Amino acid sequence: MYTLTYESVAAKEFSNSEMDELLQKARSNNLKLEITGCLIYYMGGFIQVLEGEKEVIKNFIQKSRSISVIEKSICFQTTTLK
C-alpha cells in the first residue's frame, strides 16, 4: 500500500455544482483504479491524499498534472506501508 499527499492550485474557482461533478468523476475513477482517497477544496486549492498500489498512484498523478482544473501541484508526503 502506497500513500501520497499533495497540494495543488485550482485553475479556477469551483461552484458547488462543479465541485459535485468533479467529486463524482473522482469517485468513479478511484473505483476503476482501485484507489482510495480524500479530496479537500479550500480557498482556491486542493489537498488530496491517495492510497493504493504505488505505480497506479504515480500514473494517476502524472495524468492529473495535465487536466485543466489544476495549475500546479506539490507533493509533500509519500509513504509505503507493508
PDB file of N, CA and C in Angstrom:
ATOM      1  N   MET A   1       0.855  -1.178   0.000  1.00  0.00           N
ATOM      2  CA  MET A   1       0.000   0.000   0.000  1.00  0.00           C
ATOM      3  C   MET A   1       0.895   1.233   0.000  1.00  0.00           C
ATOM      4  N   TYR A   2       0.569   2.169  -0.856  1.00  0.00           N
ATOM      5  CA  TYR A   2       1.330   3.396  -1.035  1.00  0.00           C
ATOM      6  C   TYR A   2       0.391   4.573  -0.774  1.00  0.00           C
ATOM      7  N   THR A   3       0.877   5.567  -0.044  1.00  0.00           N
ATOM      8  CA  THR A   3       0.085   6.767   0.247  1.00  0.00           C
ATOM      9  C   THR A   3       0.834   7.987  -0.266  1.00  0.00           C
ATOM     10  N   LEU A   4       0.118   8.858  -0.947  1.00  0.00           N
ATOM     11  CA  LEU A   4       0.692  10.091  -1.458  1.00  0.00           C
ATOM     12  C   LEU A   4      -0.213  11.248  -1.048  1.00  0.00           C
ATOM     13  N   THR A   5       0.373  12.307  -0.537  1.00  0.00           N
ATOM     14  CA  THR A   5      -0.370  13.509  -0.161  1.00  0.00           C
ATOM     15  C   THR A   5       0.199  14.677  -0.955  1.00  0.00           C
ATOM     16  N   TYR A   6      -0.689  15.434  -1.596  1.00  0.00           N
ATOM     17  CA  TYR A   6      -0.205  16.579  -2.367  1.00  0.00           C
ATOM     18  C   TYR A   6      -1.183  17.744  -2.286  1.00  0.00           C
ATOM     19  N   GLU A   7      -0.652  18.887  -2.629  1.00  0.00           N
ATOM     20  CA  GLU A   7      -1.431  20.125  -2.664  1.00  0.00           C
ATOM     21  C   GLU A   7      -1.365  20.668  -4.079  1.00  0.00           C
ATOM     22  N   SER A   8      -2.474  21.219  -4.558  1.00  0.00           N
ATOM     23  CA  SER A   8      -2.481  21.822  -5.887  1.00  0.00           C
ATOM     24  C   SER A   8      -3.315  23.096  -5.878  1.00  0.00           C
ATOM     25  N   VAL A   9      -3.039  23.939  -6.845  1.00  0.00           N
ATOM     26  CA  VAL A   9      -3.771  25.189  -7.005  1.00  0.00           C
ATOM     27  C   VAL A   9      -4.824  24.977  -8.083  1.00  0.00           C
ATOM     28  N   ALA A  10      -6.057  25.326  -7.770  1.00  0.00           N
ATOM     29  CA  ALA A  10      -7.144  25.192  -8.743  1.00  0.00           C
ATOM     30  C   ALA A  10      -6.972  26.232  -9.844  1.00  0.00           C
ATOM     31  N   ALA A  11      -7.265  25.834 -11.074  1.00  0.00           N
ATOM     32  CA  ALA A  11      -7.147  26.741 -12.218  1.00  0.00           C
ATOM     33  C   ALA A  11      -8.237  27.808 -12.204  1.00  0.00           C
ATOM     34  N   LYS A  12      -9.318  27.529 -11.447  1.00  0.00           N
ATOM     35  CA  LYS A  12     -10.422  28.479 -11.350  1.00  0.00           C
ATOM     36  C   LYS A  12     -11.183  28.192 -10.065  1.00  0.00           C
ATOM     37  N   GLU A  13     -12.081  29.091  -9.712  1.00  0.00           N
ATOM     38  CA  GLU A  13     -12.937  28.865  -8.551  1.00  0.00           C
ATOM     39  C   GLU A  13     -14.084  27.933  -8.962  1.00  0.00           C
ATOM     40  N   PHE A  14     -14.417  26.977  -8.107  1.00  0.00           N
ATOM     41  CA  PHE A  14     -15.461  25.995  -8.404  1.00  0.00           C
ATOM     42  C   PHE A  14     -16.767  26.359  -7.715  1.00  0.00           C
ATOM     43  N   SER A  15     -17.859  26.237  -8.460  1.00  0.00           N
ATOM     44  CA  SER A  15     -19.180  26.373  -7.858  1.00  0.00           C
ATOM     45  C   SER A  15     -19.505  25.054  -7.162  1.00  0.00           C
ATOM     46  N   ASN A  16     -20.560  25.045  -6.365  1.00  0.00           N
ATOM     47  CA  ASN A  16     -20.959  23.804  -5.694  1.00  0.00           C
ATOM     48  C   ASN A  16     -21.287  22.707  -6.699  1.00  0.00           C
ATOM     49  N   SER A  17     -21.985  23.052  -7.765  1.00  0.00           N
ATOM     50  CA  SER A  17     -22.352  22.032  -8.753  1.00  0.00           C
ATOM     51  C   SER A  17     -21.128  21.506  -9.505  1.00  0.00           C
ATOM     52  N   GLU A  18     -20.168  22.374  -9.792  1.00  0.00           N
ATOM     53  CA  GLU A  18     -18.930  21.930 -10.442  1.00  0.00           C
ATOM     54  C   GLU A  18     -18.126  21.020  -9.517  1.00  0.00           C
ATOM     55  N   MET A  19     -18.128  21.338  -8.244  1.00  0.00           N
ATOM     56  CA  MET A  19     -17.407  20.502  -7.280  1.00  0.00           C
ATOM     57  C   MET A  19     -18.084  19.146  -7.155  1.00  0.00           C
ATOM     58  N   ASP A  20     -19.413  19.124  -7.145  1.00  0.00           N
ATOM     59  CA  ASP A  20     -20.140  17.854  -7.110  1.00  0.00           C
ATOM     60  C   ASP A  20     -19.791  16.992  -8.316  1.00  0.00           C
ATOM     61  N   GLU A  21     -19.739  17.604  -9.486  1.00  0.00           N
ATOM     62  CA  GLU A  21     -19.391  16.880 -10.714  1.00  0.00           C
ATOM     63  C   GLU A  21     -17.962  16.327 -10.642  1.00  0.00           C
ATOM     64  N   LEU A  22     -17.042  17.140 -10.159  1.00  0.00           N
ATOM     65  CA  LEU A  22     -15.651  16.699 -10.011  1.00  0.00           C
ATOM     66  C   LEU A  22     -15.551  15.523  -9.041  1.00  0.00           C
ATOM     67  N   LEU A  23     -16.268  15.592  -7.946  1.00  0.00           N
ATOM     68  CA  LEU A  23     -16.247  14.500  -6.959  1.00  0.00           C
ATOM     69  C   LEU A  23     -16.818  13.209  -7.536  1.00  0.00           C
ATOM     70  N   GLN A  24     -17.890  13.312  -8.313  1.00  0.00           N
ATOM     71  CA  GLN A  24     -18.468  12.115  -8.932  1.00  0.00           C
ATOM     72  C   GLN A  24     -17.467  11.456  -9.889  1.00  0.00           C
ATOM     73  N   LYS A  25     -16.782  12.273 -10.678  1.00  0.00           N
ATOM     74  CA  LYS A  25     -15.762  11.744 -11.595  1.00  0.00           C
ATOM     75  C   LYS A  25     -14.620  11.100 -10.812  1.00  0.00           C
ATOM     76  N   ALA A  26     -14.180  11.760  -9.749  1.00  0.00           N
ATOM     77  CA  ALA A  26     -13.079  11.229  -8.938  1.00  0.00           C
ATOM     78  C   ALA A  26     -13.464   9.895  -8.308  1.00  0.00           C
ATOM     79  N   ARG A  27     -14.668   9.808  -7.770  1.00  0.00           N
ATOM     80  CA  ARG A  27     -15.125   8.554  -7.147  1.00  0.00           C
ATOM     81  C   ARG A  27     -15.180   7.427  -8.165  1.00  0.00           C
ATOM     82  N   SER A  28     -15.682   7.715  -9.343  1.00  0.00           N
ATOM     83  CA  SER A  28     -15.762   6.709 -10.395  1.00  0.00           C
ATOM     84  C   SER A  28     -14.370   6.240 -10.818  1.00  0.00           C
ATOM     85  N   ASN A  29     -13.468   7.197 -11.038  1.00  0.00           N
ATOM     86  CA  ASN A  29     -12.090   6.859 -11.421  1.00  0.00           C
ATOM     87  C   ASN A  29     -11.379   6.074 -10.323  1.00  0.00           C
ATOM     88  N   ASN A  30     -11.582   6.473  -9.083  1.00  0.00           N
ATOM     89  CA  ASN A  30     -10.935   5.776  -7.965  1.00  0.00           C
ATOM     90  C   ASN A  30     -11.380   4.320  -7.885  1.00  0.00           C
ATOM     91  N   LEU A  31     -12.666   4.074  -8.115  1.00  0.00           N
ATOM     92  CA  LEU A  31     -13.158   2.692  -8.112  1.00  0.00           C
ATOM     93  C   LEU A  31     -12.494   1.869  -9.208  1.00  0.00           C
ATOM     94  N   LYS A  32     -12.405   2.439 -10.404  1.00  0.00           N
ATOM     95  CA  LYS A  32     -11.775   1.739 -11.529  1.00  0.00           C
ATOM     96  C   LYS A  32     -10.303   1.442 -11.256  1.00  0.00           C
ATOM     97  N   LEU A  33      -9.618   2.372 -10.624  1.00  0.00           N
ATOM     98  CA  LEU A  33      -8.183   2.229 -10.360  1.00  0.00           C
ATOM     99  C   LEU A  33      -7.883   1.493  -9.055  1.00  0.00           C
ATOM    100  N   GLU A  34      -8.937   1.198  -8.302  1.00  0.00           N
ATOM    101  CA  GLU A  34      -8.799   0.536  -7.002  1.00  0.00           C
ATOM    102  C   GLU A  34      -7.904   1.342  -6.048  1.00  0.00           C
ATOM    103  N   ILE A  35      -8.192   2.644  -5.992  1.00  0.00           N
ATOM    104  CA  ILE A  35      -7.507   3.513  -5.050  1.00  0.00           C
ATOM    105  C   ILE A  35      -8.549   4.183  -4.161  1.00  0.00           C
ATOM    106  N   THR A  36      -8.113   4.641  -3.008  1.00  0.00           N
ATOM    107  CA  THR A  36      -8.976   5.398  -2.111  1.00  0.00           C
ATOM    108  C   THR A  36      -8.325   6.750  -1.864  1.00  0.00           C
ATOM    109  N   GLY A  37      -9.105   7.674  -1.342  1.00  0.00           N
ATOM    110  CA  GLY A  37      -8.515   8.971  -1.104  1.00  0.00           C
ATOM    111  C   GLY A  37      -9.448   9.929  -0.405  1.00  0.00           C
ATOM    112  N   CYS A  38      -8.901  11.098  -0.180  1.00  0.00           N
ATOM    113  CA  CYS A  38      -9.625  12.194   0.445  1.00  0.00           C
ATOM    114  C   CYS A  38      -9.269  13.454  -0.338  1.00  0.00           C
ATOM    115  N   LEU A  39     -10.267  14.186  -0.783  1.00  0.00           N
ATOM    116  CA  LEU A  39     -10.057  15.415  -1.540  1.00  0.00           C
ATOM    117  C   LEU A  39     -10.647  16.580  -0.762  1.00  0.00           C
ATOM    118  N   ILE A  40      -9.832  17.582  -0.524  1.00  0.00           N
ATOM    119  CA  ILE A  40     -10.273  18.786   0.187  1.00  0.00           C
ATOM    120  C   ILE A  40     -10.076  19.982  -0.742  1.00  0.00           C
ATOM    121  N   TYR A  41     -11.124  20.772  -0.914  1.00  0.00           N
ATOM    122  CA  TYR A  41     -11.053  22.004  -1.703  1.00  0.00           C
ATOM    123  C   TYR A  41     -11.266  23.163  -0.749  1.00  0.00           C
ATOM    124  N   TYR A  42     -10.279  24.069  -0.689  1.00  0.00           N
ATOM    125  CA  TYR A  42     -10.361  25.177   0.258  1.00  0.00           C
ATOM    126  C   TYR A  42      -9.584  26.370  -0.285  1.00  0.00           C
ATOM    127  N   MET A  43     -10.246  27.512  -0.337  1.00  0.00           N
ATOM    128  CA  MET A  43      -9.614  28.778  -0.712  1.00  0.00           C
ATOM    129  C   MET A  43      -8.809  28.675  -2.015  1.00  0.00           C
ATOM    130  N   GLY A  44      -9.434  28.067  -3.021  1.00  0.00           N
ATOM    131  CA  GLY A  44      -8.809  28.019  -4.341  1.00  0.00           C
ATOM    132  C   GLY A  44      -7.769  26.943  -4.540  1.00  0.00           C
ATOM    133  N   GLY A  45      -7.713  25.992  -3.648  1.00  0.00           N
ATOM    134  CA  GLY A  45      -6.735  24.925  -3.801  1.00  0.00           C
ATOM    135  C   GLY A  45      -7.274  23.581  -3.353  1.00  0.00           C
ATOM    136  N   PHE A  46      -6.526  22.545  -3.664  1.00  0.00           N
ATOM    137  CA  PHE A  46      -6.882  21.187  -3.281  1.00  0.00           C
ATOM    138  C   PHE A  46      -5.775  20.594  -2.425  1.00  0.00           C
ATOM    139  N   ILE A  47      -6.170  19.786  -1.482  1.00  0.00           N
ATOM    140  CA  ILE A  47      -5.255  18.884  -0.795  1.00  0.00           C
ATOM    141  C   ILE A  47      -5.854  17.507  -0.998  1.00  0.00           C
ATOM    142  N   GLN A  48      -5.026  16.567  -1.431  1.00  0.00           N
ATOM    143  CA  GLN A  48      -5.540  15.229  -1.686  1.00  0.00           C
ATOM    144  C   GLN A  48      -4.591  14.189  -1.104  1.00  0.00           C
ATOM    145  N   VAL A  49      -5.197  13.182  -0.496  1.00  0.00           N
ATOM    146  CA  VAL A  49      -4.482  12.011  -0.008  1.00  0.00           C
ATOM    147  C   VAL A  49      -4.982  10.841  -0.835  1.00  0.00           C
ATOM    148  N   LEU A  50      -4.060  10.085  -1.423  1.00  0.00           N
ATOM    149  CA  LEU A  50      -4.416   8.916  -2.218  1.00  0.00           C
ATOM    150  C   LEU A  50      -3.732   7.682  -1.655  1.00  0.00           C
ATOM    151  N   GLU A  51      -4.425   6.550  -1.687  1.00  0.00           N
ATOM    152  CA  GLU A  51      -3.863   5.280  -1.238  1.00  0.00           C
ATOM    153  C   GLU A  51      -4.137   4.211  -2.284  1.00  0.00           C
ATOM    154  N   GLY A  52      -3.136   3.394  -2.537  1.00  0.00           N
ATOM    155  CA  GLY A  52      -3.287   2.303  -3.500  1.00  0.00           C
ATOM    156  C   GLY A  52      -1.930   1.740  -3.856  1.00  0.00           C
ATOM    157  N   GLU A  53      -1.890   1.021  -4.975  1.00  0.00           N
ATOM    158  CA  GLU A  53      -0.624   0.485  -5.455  1.00  0.00           C
ATOM    159  C   GLU A  53       0.248   1.632  -5.958  1.00  0.00           C
ATOM    160  N   LYS A  54       1.540   1.563  -5.668  1.00  0.00           N
ATOM    161  CA  LYS A  54       2.464   2.662  -5.956  1.00  0.00           C
ATOM    162  C   LYS A  54       2.437   3.091  -7.430  1.00  0.00           C
ATOM    163  N   GLU A  55       2.535   2.153  -8.348  1.00  0.00           N
ATOM    164  CA  GLU A  55       2.578   2.509  -9.769  1.00  0.00           C
ATOM    165  C   GLU A  55       1.258   3.128 -10.234  1.00  0.00           C
ATOM    166  N   VAL A  56       0.148   2.651  -9.703  1.00  0.00           N
ATOM    167  CA  VAL A  56      -1.161   3.208 -10.065  1.00  0.00           C
ATOM    168  C   VAL A  56      -1.250   4.661  -9.602  1.00  0.00           C
ATOM    169  N   ILE A  57      -0.820   4.919  -8.369  1.00  0.00           N
ATOM    170  CA  ILE A  57      -0.847   6.290  -7.825  1.00  0.00           C
ATOM    171  C   ILE A  57       0.076   7.199  -8.637  1.00  0.00           C
ATOM    172  N   LYS A  58       1.279   6.741  -8.932  1.00  0.00           N
ATOM    173  CA  LYS A  58       2.229   7.562  -9.697  1.00  0.00           C
ATOM    174  C   LYS A  58       1.682   7.888 -11.087  1.00  0.00           C
ATOM    175  N   ASN A  59       1.088   6.899 -11.751  1.00  0.00           N
ATOM    176  CA  ASN A  59       0.490   7.147 -13.072  1.00  0.00           C
ATOM    177  C   ASN A  59      -0.668   8.124 -12.977  1.00  0.00           C
ATOM    178  N   PHE A  60      -1.478   7.978 -11.941  1.00  0.00           N
ATOM    179  CA  PHE A  60      -2.603   8.889 -11.728  1.00  0.00           C
ATOM    180  C   PHE A  60      -2.106  10.330 -11.578  1.00  0.00           C
ATOM    181  N   ILE A  61      -1.076  10.529 -10.782  1.00  0.00           N
ATOM    182  CA  ILE A  61      -0.537  11.873 -10.550  1.00  0.00           C
ATOM    183  C   ILE A  61       0.011  12.463 -11.845  1.00  0.00           C
ATOM    184  N   GLN A  62       0.711  11.672 -12.636  1.00  0.00           N
ATOM    185  CA  GLN A  62       1.235  12.169 -13.915  1.00  0.00           C
ATOM    186  C   GLN A  62       0.096  12.635 -14.828  1.00  0.00           C
ATOM    187  N   LYS A  63      -0.979  11.851 -14.895  1.00  0.00           N
ATOM    188  CA  LYS A  63      -2.122  12.228 -15.735  1.00  0.00           C
ATOM    189  C   LYS A  63      -2.838  13.451 -15.182  1.00  0.00           C
ATOM    190  N   SER A  64      -2.945  13.543 -13.856  1.00  0.00           N
ATOM    191  CA  SER A  64      -3.697  14.651 -13.256  1.00  0.00           C
ATOM    192  C   SER A  64      -3.014  15.993 -13.474  1.00  0.00           C
ATOM    193  N   ARG A  65      -1.721  15.985 -13.687  1.00  0.00           N
ATOM    194  CA  ARG A  65      -0.998  17.244 -13.931  1.00  0.00           C
ATOM    195  C   ARG A  65      -1.381  17.885 -15.253  1.00  0.00           C
ATOM    196  N   SER A  66      -1.978  17.108 -16.147  1.00  0.00           N
ATOM    197  CA  SER A  66      -2.342  17.652 -17.455  1.00  0.00           C
ATOM    198  C   SER A  66      -3.813  18.056 -17.555  1.00  0.00           C
ATOM    199  N   ILE A  67      -4.594  17.841 -16.491  1.00  0.00           N
ATOM    200  CA  ILE A  67      -6.015  18.218 -16.572  1.00  0.00           C
ATOM    201  C   ILE A  67      -6.179  19.704 -16.299  1.00  0.00           C
ATOM    202  N   SER A  68      -7.264  20.245 -16.799  1.00  0.00           N
ATOM    203  CA  SER A  68      -7.444  21.698 -16.790  1.00  0.00           C
ATOM    204  C   SER A  68      -7.865  22.285 -15.449  1.00  0.00           C
ATOM    205  N   VAL A  69      -8.166  21.475 -14.436  1.00  0.00           N
ATOM    206  CA  VAL A  69      -8.610  22.044 -13.164  1.00  0.00           C
ATOM    207  C   VAL A  69      -7.442  22.387 -12.244  1.00  0.00           C
ATOM    208  N   ILE A  70      -6.237  21.963 -12.606  1.00  0.00           N
ATOM    209  CA  ILE A  70      -5.072  22.171 -11.750  1.00  0.00           C
ATOM    210  C   ILE A  70      -4.038  23.036 -12.458  1.00  0.00           C
ATOM    211  N   GLU A  71      -3.548  24.079 -11.775  1.00  0.00           N
ATOM    212  CA  GLU A  71      -2.480  24.912 -12.333  1.00  0.00           C
ATOM    213  C   GLU A  71      -1.100  24.370 -11.967  1.00  0.00           C
ATOM    214  N   LYS A  72      -0.915  24.010 -10.718  1.00  0.00           N
ATOM    215  CA  LYS A  72       0.365  23.446 -10.287  1.00  0.00           C
ATOM    216  C   LYS A  72       0.115  22.564  -9.073  1.00  0.00           C
ATOM    217  N   SER A  73       1.002  21.617  -8.845  1.00  0.00           N
ATOM    218  CA  SER A  73       0.846  20.747  -7.686  1.00  0.00           C
ATOM    219  C   SER A  73       2.197  20.485  -7.038  1.00  0.00           C
ATOM    220  N   ILE A  74       2.150  20.242  -5.741  1.00  0.00           N
ATOM    221  CA  ILE A  74       3.346  19.978  -4.946  1.00  0.00           C
ATOM    222  C   ILE A  74       3.083  18.743  -4.088  1.00  0.00           C
ATOM    223  N   CYS A  75       3.902  17.738  -4.273  1.00  0.00           N
ATOM    224  CA  CYS A  75       3.797  16.538  -3.443  1.00  0.00           C
ATOM    225  C   CYS A  75       4.545  16.810  -2.147  1.00  0.00           C
ATOM    226  N   PHE A  76       3.905  16.565  -1.004  1.00  0.00           N
ATOM    227  CA  PHE A  76       4.624  16.810   0.231  1.00  0.00           C
ATOM    228  C   PHE A  76       4.735  15.611   1.149  1.00  0.00           C
ATOM    229  N   GLN A  77       4.222  14.445   0.749  1.00  0.00           N
ATOM    230  CA  GLN A  77       4.474  13.262   1.543  1.00  0.00           C
ATOM    231  C   GLN A  77       4.139  12.004   0.750  1.00  0.00           C
ATOM    232  N   THR A  78       5.019  11.010   0.841  1.00  0.00           N
ATOM    233  CA  THR A  78       4.729   9.679   0.321  1.00  0.00           C
ATOM    234  C   THR A  78       5.114   8.685   1.397  1.00  0.00           C
ATOM    235  N   THR A  79       4.360   7.590   1.469  1.00  0.00           N
ATOM    236  CA  THR A  79       4.602   6.558   2.457  1.00  0.00           C
ATOM    237  C   THR A  79       4.287   5.205   1.836  1.00  0.00           C
ATOM    238  N   THR A  80       5.156   4.250   2.054  1.00  0.00           N
ATOM    239  CA  THR A  80       4.877   2.892   1.627  1.00  0.00           C
ATOM    240  C   THR A  80       4.599   2.068   2.870  1.00  0.00           C
ATOM    241  N   LEU A  81       3.404   1.478   2.910  1.00  0.00           N
ATOM    242  CA  LEU A  81       3.001   0.656   4.047  1.00  0.00           C
ATOM    243  C   LEU A  81       3.168  -0.804   3.678  1.00  0.00           C
ATOM    244  N   LYS A  82       3.664  -1.585   4.592  1.00  0.00           N
ATOM    245  CA  LYS A  82       3.859  -3.016   4.321  1.00  0.00           C
ATOM    246  C   LYS A  82       2.770  -3.842   4.915  1.00  0.00           C
TER     247      LYS A  82
END
